[in-house]
C-alpha cells in the first residue's frame, strides 16, 4: 500500500527524482511547478498544485488548472498549506524535495513549519547533500556507516546519548546558543540516539570517507 506522499516546494530543484511508483500522492507548490516543468517532470502525475499562485505565469500550465488548489491565506506559507491539504487527504508520511537552497530564511522557515507538524506528520527532507528530519526521543537508523551525521537541537536537547558515532555523546546537552552536534560521522552501520527533553533534527549525509 502506497501510504507516502511526495511534495515538491520552492527551494533548489532536485538533481534527480525518486521513484514515483513509491507514492500514493504527488503534489507541489505553485513555485515548484515551474522547475518541475523545466526538468520535464511528468506533470500528469501531480495530484494537486497548491499555493497563492503569486508566481503563476498563466501560460501553458493552464491545462493543469483543474488540479490547482488556491490557498491565498498570507498568514501561512505555501509549504504549510500544502501539508494541511496532504494531512486532510489522510497521508502522514511525506518526502519533501526543494526544502533547502535559495533564500536561507525560506530554509529556516521550512524547518519551523515541519516542527509545527512533527506530532502529526512524519516529514523527511531530501536535497543533494543529505536527508534530514526531526527524530523521537529514542531513535536508531541503519545503513549509515561512513556517512556524515549531524545532530541539530531545535533549540535545545537535554541528556543525549549516542552510539555508533565517531564522537559519541553521553548524557550531554545540546543548544543552538552553545554546543551543537554537527559534522560527526558514523563508524558503525547502526547509529542510535536517546535524549530526555527537547527536539532534535538529524542530518544524514553522503559518505564521509
C-alpha atoms as a PDB file:
ATOM      1  CA  UNK A   1       0.000   0.000   0.000  1.00  0.00           C
ATOM      2  CA  UNK A   2       1.404   3.383  -1.046  1.00  0.00           C
ATOM      3  CA  UNK A   3       0.979   5.335   2.153  1.00  0.00           C
ATOM      4  CA  UNK A   4       3.579   8.042   1.426  1.00  0.00           C
ATOM      5  CA  UNK A   5       3.164  11.425  -0.207  1.00  0.00           C
ATOM      6  CA  UNK A   6       5.767  13.259  -2.279  1.00  0.00           C
ATOM      7  CA  UNK A   7       5.843  17.051  -2.113  1.00  0.00           C
ATOM      8  CA  UNK A   8       7.984  19.498  -4.092  1.00  0.00           C
ATOM      9  CA  UNK A   9       8.409  23.007  -2.682  1.00  0.00           C
ATOM     10  CA  UNK A  10      10.153  26.100  -3.970  1.00  0.00           C
ATOM     11  CA  UNK A  11      13.801  25.698  -2.944  1.00  0.00           C
ATOM     12  CA  UNK A  12      16.585  24.292  -5.068  1.00  0.00           C
ATOM     13  CA  UNK A  13      15.315  21.925  -7.728  1.00  0.00           C
ATOM     14  CA  UNK A  14      16.359  18.298  -7.119  1.00  0.00           C
ATOM     15  CA  UNK A  15      19.131  16.833  -9.266  1.00  0.00           C
ATOM     16  CA  UNK A  16      17.090  13.669  -9.733  1.00  0.00           C
ATOM     17  CA  UNK A  17      13.669  12.361  -8.792  1.00  0.00           C
ATOM     18  CA  UNK A  18      12.767   9.425  -6.563  1.00  0.00           C
ATOM     19  CA  UNK A  19      10.755   6.557  -7.981  1.00  0.00           C
ATOM     20  CA  UNK A  20       7.251   7.945  -8.358  1.00  0.00           C
ATOM     21  CA  UNK A  21       5.803   4.457  -8.064  1.00  0.00           C
ATOM     22  CA  UNK A  22       6.517   4.541  -4.313  1.00  0.00           C
ATOM     23  CA  UNK A  23       3.972   7.269  -3.608  1.00  0.00           C
ATOM     24  CA  UNK A  24       0.225   7.323  -3.242  1.00  0.00           C
ATOM     25  CA  UNK A  25       0.062  11.097  -3.694  1.00  0.00           C
ATOM     26  CA  UNK A  26       2.333  13.547  -5.552  1.00  0.00           C
ATOM     27  CA  UNK A  27       1.983  17.299  -5.208  1.00  0.00           C
ATOM     28  CA  UNK A  28       3.843  20.580  -5.469  1.00  0.00           C
ATOM     29  CA  UNK A  29       3.520  24.217  -4.531  1.00  0.00           C
ATOM     30  CA  UNK A  30       2.992  26.705  -7.337  1.00  0.00           C
ATOM     31  CA  UNK A  31       6.606  27.907  -7.215  1.00  0.00           C
ATOM     32  CA  UNK A  32       7.944  24.361  -7.558  1.00  0.00           C
ATOM     33  CA  UNK A  33       5.653  23.751 -10.520  1.00  0.00           C
ATOM     34  CA  UNK A  34       7.917  25.888 -12.713  1.00  0.00           C
ATOM     35  CA  UNK A  35      11.130  23.967 -12.036  1.00  0.00           C
ATOM     36  CA  UNK A  36       9.300  20.651 -12.430  1.00  0.00           C
ATOM     37  CA  UNK A  37       8.124  21.783 -15.846  1.00  0.00           C
ATOM     38  CA  UNK A  38      11.649  22.885 -16.820  1.00  0.00           C
ATOM     39  CA  UNK A  39      13.040  19.499 -15.698  1.00  0.00           C
ATOM     40  CA  UNK A  40      10.492  17.637 -17.833  1.00  0.00           C
ATOM     41  CA  UNK A  41       8.834  16.092 -14.799  1.00  0.00           C
ATOM     42  CA  UNK A  42       5.716  14.111 -15.829  1.00  0.00           C
ATOM     43  CA  UNK A  43       3.255  16.787 -14.732  1.00  0.00           C
ATOM     44  CA  UNK A  44       0.305  14.478 -15.300  1.00  0.00           C
ATOM     45  CA  UNK A  45       1.489  12.580 -12.195  1.00  0.00           C
ATOM     46  CA  UNK A  46       0.692  15.569  -9.957  1.00  0.00           C
ATOM     47  CA  UNK A  47      -2.429  15.141  -7.848  1.00  0.00           C
ATOM     48  CA  UNK A  48      -2.545  18.824  -6.954  1.00  0.00           C
ATOM     49  CA  UNK A  49      -0.656  22.110  -7.219  1.00  0.00           C
ATOM     50  CA  UNK A  50      -1.302  24.466  -4.317  1.00  0.00           C
ATOM     51  CA  UNK A  51      -0.387  27.987  -3.305  1.00  0.00           C
ATOM     52  CA  UNK A  52      -1.349  31.616  -3.624  1.00  0.00           C
ATOM     53  CA  UNK A  53      -0.199  31.500  -7.263  1.00  0.00           C
ATOM     54  CA  UNK A  54       1.758  34.723  -6.980  1.00  0.00           C
ATOM     55  CA  UNK A  55       4.369  33.066  -9.216  1.00  0.00           C
ATOM     56  CA  UNK A  56       1.857  31.591 -11.652  1.00  0.00           C
ATOM     57  CA  UNK A  57       2.513  32.826 -15.176  1.00  0.00           C
ATOM     58  CA  UNK A  58      -0.792  31.619 -16.561  1.00  0.00           C
ATOM     59  CA  UNK A  59       0.754  30.244 -19.746  1.00  0.00           C
ATOM     60  CA  UNK A  60       0.720  26.611 -20.883  1.00  0.00           C
ATOM     61  CA  UNK A  61       0.259  25.283 -17.344  1.00  0.00           C
ATOM     62  CA  UNK A  62      -3.396  26.283 -17.580  1.00  0.00           C
ATOM     63  CA  UNK A  63      -4.054  22.798 -18.911  1.00  0.00           C
ATOM     64  CA  UNK A  64      -3.490  21.606 -15.334  1.00  0.00           C
ATOM     65  CA  UNK A  65      -5.733  24.244 -13.788  1.00  0.00           C
ATOM     66  CA  UNK A  66      -8.279  21.672 -12.603  1.00  0.00           C
ATOM     67  CA  UNK A  67      -5.584  20.434 -10.208  1.00  0.00           C
ATOM     68  CA  UNK A  68      -4.889  23.873  -8.736  1.00  0.00           C
ATOM     69  CA  UNK A  69      -5.862  24.391  -5.110  1.00  0.00           C
ATOM     70  CA  UNK A  70      -5.842  28.096  -4.334  1.00  0.00           C
ATOM     71  CA  UNK A  71      -4.655  28.842  -0.787  1.00  0.00           C
ATOM     72  CA  UNK A  72      -4.455  32.654  -0.608  1.00  0.00           C
ATOM     73  CA  UNK A  73      -4.022  32.939   3.187  1.00  0.00           C
ATOM     74  CA  UNK A  74      -0.961  35.201   3.604  1.00  0.00           C
ATOM     75  CA  UNK A  75      -0.621  34.218   7.274  1.00  0.00           C
ATOM     76  CA  UNK A  76       0.705  30.777   6.294  1.00  0.00           C
ATOM     77  CA  UNK A  77       3.394  29.689   3.846  1.00  0.00           C
ATOM     78  CA  UNK A  78       2.634  27.620   0.755  1.00  0.00           C
ATOM     79  CA  UNK A  79       4.526  24.737   2.362  1.00  0.00           C
ATOM     80  CA  UNK A  80       2.367  24.876   5.492  1.00  0.00           C
ATOM     81  CA  UNK A  81      -0.834  24.970   3.466  1.00  0.00           C
ATOM     82  CA  UNK A  82       0.276  22.070   1.260  1.00  0.00           C
ATOM     83  CA  UNK A  83       0.956  19.964   4.358  1.00  0.00           C
ATOM     84  CA  UNK A  84      -2.538  20.763   5.647  1.00  0.00           C
ATOM     85  CA  UNK A  85      -4.043  19.507   2.388  1.00  0.00           C
ATOM     86  CA  UNK A  86      -1.959  16.322   2.427  1.00  0.00           C
ATOM     87  CA  UNK A  87      -2.941  15.652   6.039  1.00  0.00           C
ATOM     88  CA  UNK A  88      -6.609  16.150   5.154  1.00  0.00           C
ATOM     89  CA  UNK A  89      -6.182  13.548   2.413  1.00  0.00           C
ATOM     90  CA  UNK A  90      -5.038  11.008   5.012  1.00  0.00           C
ATOM     91  CA  UNK A  91      -1.279  10.843   4.429  1.00  0.00           C
ATOM     92  CA  UNK A  92       1.120  11.156   7.355  1.00  0.00           C
ATOM     93  CA  UNK A  93       4.442  10.113   5.730  1.00  0.00           C
ATOM     94  CA  UNK A  94       5.748  12.853   3.444  1.00  0.00           C
ATOM     95  CA  UNK A  95       9.001  13.127   1.493  1.00  0.00           C
ATOM     96  CA  UNK A  96       9.838  16.747   0.695  1.00  0.00           C
ATOM     97  CA  UNK A  97      12.157  17.976  -2.070  1.00  0.00           C
ATOM     98  CA  UNK A  98      13.117  21.616  -2.552  1.00  0.00           C
ATOM     99  CA  UNK A  99      13.192  22.462   1.159  1.00  0.00           C
ATOM    100  CA  UNK A 100      16.695  23.944   1.114  1.00  0.00           C
ATOM    101  CA  UNK A 101      18.702  26.228  -1.130  1.00  0.00           C
ATOM    102  CA  UNK A 102      17.691  29.590  -2.440  1.00  0.00           C
ATOM    103  CA  UNK A 103      16.977  32.196   0.211  1.00  0.00           C
ATOM    104  CA  UNK A 104      18.093  30.845   3.566  1.00  0.00           C
ATOM    105  CA  UNK A 105      15.222  32.408   5.501  1.00  0.00           C
ATOM    106  CA  UNK A 106      12.971  30.090   3.477  1.00  0.00           C
ATOM    107  CA  UNK A 107      15.044  27.099   4.594  1.00  0.00           C
ATOM    108  CA  UNK A 108      14.734  28.099   8.257  1.00  0.00           C
ATOM    109  CA  UNK A 109      11.050  28.749   7.750  1.00  0.00           C
ATOM    110  CA  UNK A 110      10.592  25.279   6.246  1.00  0.00           C
ATOM    111  CA  UNK A 111      12.206  23.705   9.310  1.00  0.00           C
ATOM    112  CA  UNK A 112       9.851  25.678  11.533  1.00  0.00           C
ATOM    113  CA  UNK A 113       6.853  24.521   9.505  1.00  0.00           C
ATOM    114  CA  UNK A 114       7.986  20.888   9.794  1.00  0.00           C
ATOM    115  CA  UNK A 115       8.435  21.390  13.535  1.00  0.00           C
ATOM    116  CA  UNK A 116       4.850  22.588  13.853  1.00  0.00           C
ATOM    117  CA  UNK A 117       3.621  19.342  12.262  1.00  0.00           C
ATOM    118  CA  UNK A 118       6.045  16.950  13.976  1.00  0.00           C
ATOM    119  CA  UNK A 119       3.359  15.397  16.191  1.00  0.00           C
ATOM    120  CA  UNK A 120       1.025  14.817  13.236  1.00  0.00           C
ATOM    121  CA  UNK A 121       3.258  14.065  10.268  1.00  0.00           C
ATOM    122  CA  UNK A 122       6.440  12.139   9.528  1.00  0.00           C
ATOM    123  CA  UNK A 123       8.258  14.617   7.263  1.00  0.00           C
ATOM    124  CA  UNK A 124      11.623  13.874   5.642  1.00  0.00           C
ATOM    125  CA  UNK A 125      13.502  16.459   3.613  1.00  0.00           C
ATOM    126  CA  UNK A 126      15.888  15.473   0.812  1.00  0.00           C
ATOM    127  CA  UNK A 127      18.486  17.522  -1.055  1.00  0.00           C
ATOM    128  CA  UNK A 128      21.732  16.824  -2.912  1.00  0.00           C
ATOM    129  CA  UNK A 129      23.719  16.803   0.338  1.00  0.00           C
ATOM    130  CA  UNK A 130      21.583  14.927   2.852  1.00  0.00           C
ATOM    131  CA  UNK A 131      18.247  13.835   4.180  1.00  0.00           C
ATOM    132  CA  UNK A 132      17.050  15.461   7.378  1.00  0.00           C
ATOM    133  CA  UNK A 133      14.107  15.259   9.740  1.00  0.00           C
ATOM    134  CA  UNK A 134      13.002  15.501  13.363  1.00  0.00           C
ATOM    135  CA  UNK A 135      13.528  12.331  15.389  1.00  0.00           C
ATOM    136  CA  UNK A 136      11.773  10.976  18.507  1.00  0.00           C
ATOM    137  CA  UNK A 137      13.461  10.663  21.896  1.00  0.00           C
ATOM    138  CA  UNK A 138      14.569   7.109  21.113  1.00  0.00           C
ATOM    139  CA  UNK A 139      15.743   6.553  17.585  1.00  0.00           C
ATOM    140  CA  UNK A 140      18.060   4.334  15.549  1.00  0.00           C
ATOM    141  CA  UNK A 141      18.994   4.301  11.877  1.00  0.00           C
ATOM    142  CA  UNK A 142      20.801   1.557   9.935  1.00  0.00           C
ATOM    143  CA  UNK A 143      22.953   1.527   6.832  1.00  0.00           C
ATOM    144  CA  UNK A 144      24.822   4.721   7.697  1.00  0.00           C
ATOM    145  CA  UNK A 145      28.443   3.644   8.215  1.00  0.00           C
ATOM    146  CA  UNK A 146      30.874   6.310   6.929  1.00  0.00           C
ATOM    147  CA  UNK A 147      28.065   8.798   6.394  1.00  0.00           C
ATOM    148  CA  UNK A 148      28.077  12.300   7.808  1.00  0.00           C
ATOM    149  CA  UNK A 149      25.712  12.572  10.767  1.00  0.00           C
ATOM    150  CA  UNK A 150      24.779  15.958  12.163  1.00  0.00           C
ATOM    151  CA  UNK A 151      22.549  16.460  15.187  1.00  0.00           C
ATOM    152  CA  UNK A 152      20.941  19.864  15.472  1.00  0.00           C
ATOM    153  CA  UNK A 153      18.990  20.895  18.590  1.00  0.00           C
ATOM    154  CA  UNK A 154      15.785  22.816  17.954  1.00  0.00           C
ATOM    155  CA  UNK A 155      16.567  24.825  20.044  1.00  0.00           C
ATOM    156  CA  UNK A 156      17.900  22.587  22.870  1.00  0.00           C
ATOM    157  CA  UNK A 157      18.197  18.914  23.839  1.00  0.00           C
ATOM    158  CA  UNK A 158      18.965  17.525  27.294  1.00  0.00           C
ATOM    159  CA  UNK A 159      20.682  14.300  28.369  1.00  0.00           C
ATOM    160  CA  UNK A 160      21.501  12.977  24.914  1.00  0.00           C
ATOM    161  CA  UNK A 161      23.449   9.739  24.459  1.00  0.00           C
ATOM    162  CA  UNK A 162      24.584   8.362  21.114  1.00  0.00           C
ATOM    163  CA  UNK A 163      26.115   5.100  19.937  1.00  0.00           C
ATOM    164  CA  UNK A 164      27.835   4.396  16.645  1.00  0.00           C
ATOM    165  CA  UNK A 165      29.280   7.867  16.062  1.00  0.00           C
ATOM    166  CA  UNK A 166      32.947   8.779  15.884  1.00  0.00           C
ATOM    167  CA  UNK A 167      32.450  11.410  18.590  1.00  0.00           C
ATOM    168  CA  UNK A 168      29.801   9.963  20.893  1.00  0.00           C
ATOM    169  CA  UNK A 169      27.742  11.846  23.430  1.00  0.00           C
ATOM    170  CA  UNK A 170      26.960  10.528  26.905  1.00  0.00           C
ATOM    171  CA  UNK A 171      24.265  12.332  28.891  1.00  0.00           C
ATOM    172  CA  UNK A 172      25.224  15.556  27.155  1.00  0.00           C
ATOM    173  CA  UNK A 173      23.279  18.708  26.372  1.00  0.00           C
ATOM    174  CA  UNK A 174      22.995  20.480  23.029  1.00  0.00           C
ATOM    175  CA  UNK A 175      21.800  24.017  22.369  1.00  0.00           C
ATOM    176  CA  UNK A 176      21.917  26.350  19.378  1.00  0.00           C
ATOM    177  CA  UNK A 177      23.376  29.015  21.680  1.00  0.00           C
ATOM    178  CA  UNK A 178      26.283  26.893  22.908  1.00  0.00           C
ATOM    179  CA  UNK A 179      27.042  23.382  21.653  1.00  0.00           C
ATOM    180  CA  UNK A 180      25.570  21.658  18.618  1.00  0.00           C
ATOM    181  CA  UNK A 181      26.301  18.196  17.248  1.00  0.00           C
ATOM    182  CA  UNK A 182      27.146  18.826  13.600  1.00  0.00           C
ATOM    183  CA  UNK A 183      29.829  17.292  11.342  1.00  0.00           C
ATOM    184  CA  UNK A 184      30.064  13.927  13.082  1.00  0.00           C
ATOM    185  CA  UNK A 185      30.120  10.645  11.175  1.00  0.00           C
ATOM    186  CA  UNK A 186      29.019   7.066  11.684  1.00  0.00           C
ATOM    187  CA  UNK A 187      31.637   4.427  12.473  1.00  0.00           C
ATOM    188  CA  UNK A 188      29.025   1.666  12.746  1.00  0.00           C
ATOM    189  CA  UNK A 189      26.306   0.529  10.386  1.00  0.00           C
ATOM    190  CA  UNK A 190      23.696   1.470  13.014  1.00  0.00           C
ATOM    191  CA  UNK A 191      23.533   4.709  14.960  1.00  0.00           C
ATOM    192  CA  UNK A 192      21.263   5.034  17.997  1.00  0.00           C
ATOM    193  CA  UNK A 193      20.257   8.222  19.773  1.00  0.00           C
ATOM    194  CA  UNK A 194      18.392   8.801  23.016  1.00  0.00           C
ATOM    195  CA  UNK A 195      17.553  12.067  24.750  1.00  0.00           C
ATOM    196  CA  UNK A 196      15.227  13.164  27.532  1.00  0.00           C
ATOM    197  CA  UNK A 197      13.945  16.630  26.694  1.00  0.00           C
ATOM    198  CA  UNK A 198      13.804  18.943  23.714  1.00  0.00           C
ATOM    199  CA  UNK A 199      13.589  18.442  19.959  1.00  0.00           C
ATOM    200  CA  UNK A 200      16.281  17.201  17.619  1.00  0.00           C
ATOM    201  CA  UNK A 201      16.958  17.240  13.889  1.00  0.00           C
ATOM    202  CA  UNK A 202      19.164  14.616  12.294  1.00  0.00           C
ATOM    203  CA  UNK A 203      21.012  15.215   9.023  1.00  0.00           C
ATOM    204  CA  UNK A 204      22.274  12.090   7.242  1.00  0.00           C
ATOM    205  CA  UNK A 205      24.719  12.999   4.523  1.00  0.00           C
ATOM    206  CA  UNK A 206      26.840  11.430   1.847  1.00  0.00           C
ATOM    207  CA  UNK A 207      29.653   9.033   2.720  1.00  0.00           C
ATOM    208  CA  UNK A 208      32.246  10.844   4.799  1.00  0.00           C
ATOM    209  CA  UNK A 209      35.278   8.709   3.946  1.00  0.00           C
END
